[in-house]
Structures are given as structure tokens and as C-alpha cells.
Amino acid sequence: MARKVEFKKFLIIECTARELYVACGGPGICDMCGNPSAIGYYIAVMNRWYCPKCFSEWKQRAQYYPEDANVEKRNYEHYASLFGIW
């Protein structure tokens, strides 16, 4: 079941490729490496879906910028509603 993931101040949703497909038609292909993944992470600030490996690598270099918060929140709220996360 899709769920919110806590990481710094970022808004992130963990979901399966099947949940991604049902919610919004996404194919479960990592936006970073291009490989299919059974599970992944929607990173709202970038509007991207990453496989676990790429997500882990992104976490090592991620920096939070408060000026991106409005766009991040809008993206997150849109996808959270599609996944049924309230």
C-alpha cells in the first residue's frame, strides 16, 4: 500500500509499480536509471519516480530548498490524492 516516507523535509511517496500504474498510468520505470522496478519512490519536489537504488543515491546528495516548497506541496497533494494518502 502506498505510504508517505519521512526524509528530511521532503514529501515522498513509496509505492509499488502496480499502484503507480493504477493511480496514474505510470509504467514503473525509474526516472533516473530507466530500469523497471517493482517498488519505487515518488519525489514530489522533482516530480520523479525512482527505484530503491537511485532513491538511496539521491538521498546522499539531496538538499532541501524552502523556495521549492509550494511546487513540492502541489505535486505531493495531487499524487497523494490519487494514491489515497490523506
C-alpha atoms as a PDB file:
ATOM      1  CA  MET A   1       0.000   0.000   0.000  1.00  0.00           C
ATOM      2  CA  ALA A   2       1.328   3.440  -0.921  1.00  0.00           C
ATOM      3  CA  ARG A   3       2.593   5.438   2.034  1.00  0.00           C
ATOM      4  CA  LYS A   4       4.278   8.696   2.912  1.00  0.00           C
ATOM      5  CA  VAL A   5       8.013   8.402   3.543  1.00  0.00           C
ATOM      6  CA  GLU A   6       9.816  10.653   6.006  1.00  0.00           C
ATOM      7  CA  PHE A   7      13.120  12.102   4.798  1.00  0.00           C
ATOM      8  CA  LYS A   8      14.260  15.500   5.985  1.00  0.00           C
ATOM      9  CA  LYS A   9      11.521  17.953   4.928  1.00  0.00           C
ATOM     10  CA  PHE A  10      10.858  16.270   1.583  1.00  0.00           C
ATOM     11  CA  LEU A  11       7.411  14.982   0.599  1.00  0.00           C
ATOM     12  CA  ILE A  12       7.862  11.445  -0.755  1.00  0.00           C
ATOM     13  CA  ILE A  13       5.511   8.575  -1.539  1.00  0.00           C
ATOM     14  CA  GLU A  14       6.636   4.945  -1.598  1.00  0.00           C
ATOM     15  CA  CYS A  15       4.519   2.732  -3.850  1.00  0.00           C
ATOM     16  CA  THR A  16       4.613  -0.358  -5.991  1.00  0.00           C
ATOM     17  CA  ALA A  17       4.797  -0.199  -9.775  1.00  0.00           C
ATOM     18  CA  ARG A  18       1.277  -1.643  -9.858  1.00  0.00           C
ATOM     19  CA  GLU A  19      -0.044   1.134  -7.598  1.00  0.00           C
ATOM     20  CA  LEU A  20       1.689   3.693  -9.784  1.00  0.00           C
ATOM     21  CA  TYR A  21       0.079   2.231 -12.895  1.00  0.00           C
ATOM     22  CA  VAL A  22      -3.410   2.081 -11.361  1.00  0.00           C
ATOM     23  CA  ALA A  23      -3.200   5.596  -9.898  1.00  0.00           C
ATOM     24  CA  CYS A  24      -1.780   7.462 -12.858  1.00  0.00           C
ATOM     25  CA  GLY A  25      -0.791   5.111 -15.668  1.00  0.00           C
ATOM     26  CA  GLY A  26       2.946   5.272 -14.921  1.00  0.00           C
ATOM     27  CA  PRO A  27       4.916   2.255 -16.132  1.00  0.00           C
ATOM     28  CA  GLY A  28       7.124   1.667 -13.053  1.00  0.00           C
ATOM     29  CA  ILE A  29      10.278   2.748 -14.869  1.00  0.00           C
ATOM     30  CA  CYS A  30      12.831   4.669 -12.815  1.00  0.00           C
ATOM     31  CA  ASP A  31      13.145   8.275 -13.995  1.00  0.00           C
ATOM     32  CA  MET A  32      16.856   8.231 -13.154  1.00  0.00           C
ATOM     33  CA  CYS A  33      18.305   4.960 -14.478  1.00  0.00           C
ATOM     34  CA  GLY A  34      15.490   3.908 -16.814  1.00  0.00           C
ATOM     35  CA  ASN A  35      15.172   0.412 -15.344  1.00  0.00           C
ATOM     36  CA  PRO A  36      11.866  -1.176 -14.330  1.00  0.00           C
ATOM     37  CA  SER A  37      11.281  -1.579 -10.606  1.00  0.00           C
ATOM     38  CA  ALA A  38       8.588  -3.371  -8.614  1.00  0.00           C
ATOM     39  CA  ILE A  39       8.711  -0.671  -5.938  1.00  0.00           C
ATOM     40  CA  GLY A  40       9.736   2.962  -6.058  1.00  0.00           C
ATOM     41  CA  TYR A  41       9.604   6.432  -4.581  1.00  0.00           C
ATOM     42  CA  TYR A  42       7.754   9.451  -5.922  1.00  0.00           C
ATOM     43  CA  ILE A  43       9.811  12.537  -5.033  1.00  0.00           C
ATOM     44  CA  ALA A  44       7.351  15.417  -5.223  1.00  0.00           C
ATOM     45  CA  VAL A  45       9.851  18.282  -5.392  1.00  0.00           C
ATOM     46  CA  MET A  46      11.280  16.797  -8.608  1.00  0.00           C
ATOM     47  CA  ASN A  47       8.062  15.180  -9.839  1.00  0.00           C
ATOM     48  CA  ARG A  48      10.053  11.962 -10.410  1.00  0.00           C
ATOM     49  CA  TRP A  49       9.709   8.260  -9.552  1.00  0.00           C
ATOM     50  CA  TYR A  50      12.951   6.494  -8.534  1.00  0.00           C
ATOM     51  CA  CYS A  51      13.825   2.846  -7.959  1.00  0.00           C
ATOM     52  CA  PRO A  52      15.224   1.987  -4.498  1.00  0.00           C
ATOM     53  CA  LYS A  53      18.851   2.148  -5.695  1.00  0.00           C
ATOM     54  CA  CYS A  54      18.505   5.573  -7.312  1.00  0.00           C
ATOM     55  CA  PHE A  55      16.436   6.834  -4.376  1.00  0.00           C
ATOM     56  CA  SER A  56      19.197   5.811  -1.979  1.00  0.00           C
ATOM     57  CA  GLU A  57      21.786   7.597  -4.123  1.00  0.00           C
ATOM     58  CA  TRP A  58      19.592  10.705  -4.369  1.00  0.00           C
ATOM     59  CA  LYS A  59      19.236  10.813  -0.562  1.00  0.00           C
ATOM     60  CA  GLN A  60      23.016  11.107  -0.238  1.00  0.00           C
ATOM     61  CA  ARG A  61      23.092  14.367  -2.225  1.00  0.00           C
ATOM     62  CA  ALA A  62      19.599  15.830  -1.700  1.00  0.00           C
ATOM     63  CA  GLN A  63      19.368  19.384  -0.439  1.00  0.00           C
ATOM     64  CA  TYR A  64      16.118  20.959   0.651  1.00  0.00           C
ATOM     65  CA  TYR A  65      15.345  24.432  -0.710  1.00  0.00           C
ATOM     66  CA  PRO A  66      12.423  26.202   1.015  1.00  0.00           C
ATOM     67  CA  GLU A  67      11.665  28.194  -2.136  1.00  0.00           C
ATOM     68  CA  ASP A  68      10.565  24.924  -3.816  1.00  0.00           C
ATOM     69  CA  ALA A  69       8.012  24.128  -1.097  1.00  0.00           C
ATOM     70  CA  ASN A  70       4.938  25.452  -2.940  1.00  0.00           C
ATOM     71  CA  VAL A  71       5.556  23.379  -6.065  1.00  0.00           C
ATOM     72  CA  GLU A  72       6.513  20.346  -3.989  1.00  0.00           C
ATOM     73  CA  LYS A  73       3.327  20.613  -1.924  1.00  0.00           C
ATOM     74  CA  ARG A  74       1.146  20.982  -5.019  1.00  0.00           C
ATOM     75  CA  ASN A  75       2.755  17.920  -6.661  1.00  0.00           C
ATOM     76  CA  TYR A  76       2.508  15.862  -3.482  1.00  0.00           C
ATOM     77  CA  GLU A  77      -1.142  16.709  -2.826  1.00  0.00           C
ATOM     78  CA  HIS A  78      -2.082  15.778  -6.389  1.00  0.00           C
ATOM     79  CA  TYR A  79      -0.417  12.359  -6.260  1.00  0.00           C
ATOM     80  CA  ALA A  80      -1.316  11.672  -2.622  1.00  0.00           C
ATOM     81  CA  SER A  81      -4.985  12.021  -3.573  1.00  0.00           C
ATOM     82  CA  LEU A  82      -4.523   9.587  -6.477  1.00  0.00           C
ATOM     83  CA  PHE A  83      -2.898   7.054  -4.129  1.00  0.00           C
ATOM     84  CA  GLY A  84      -5.479   7.612  -1.391  1.00  0.00           C
ATOM     85  CA  ILE A  85      -2.977   9.051   1.094  1.00  0.00           C
ATOM     86  CA  TRP A  86      -4.559  11.649   3.337  1.00  0.00           C
END
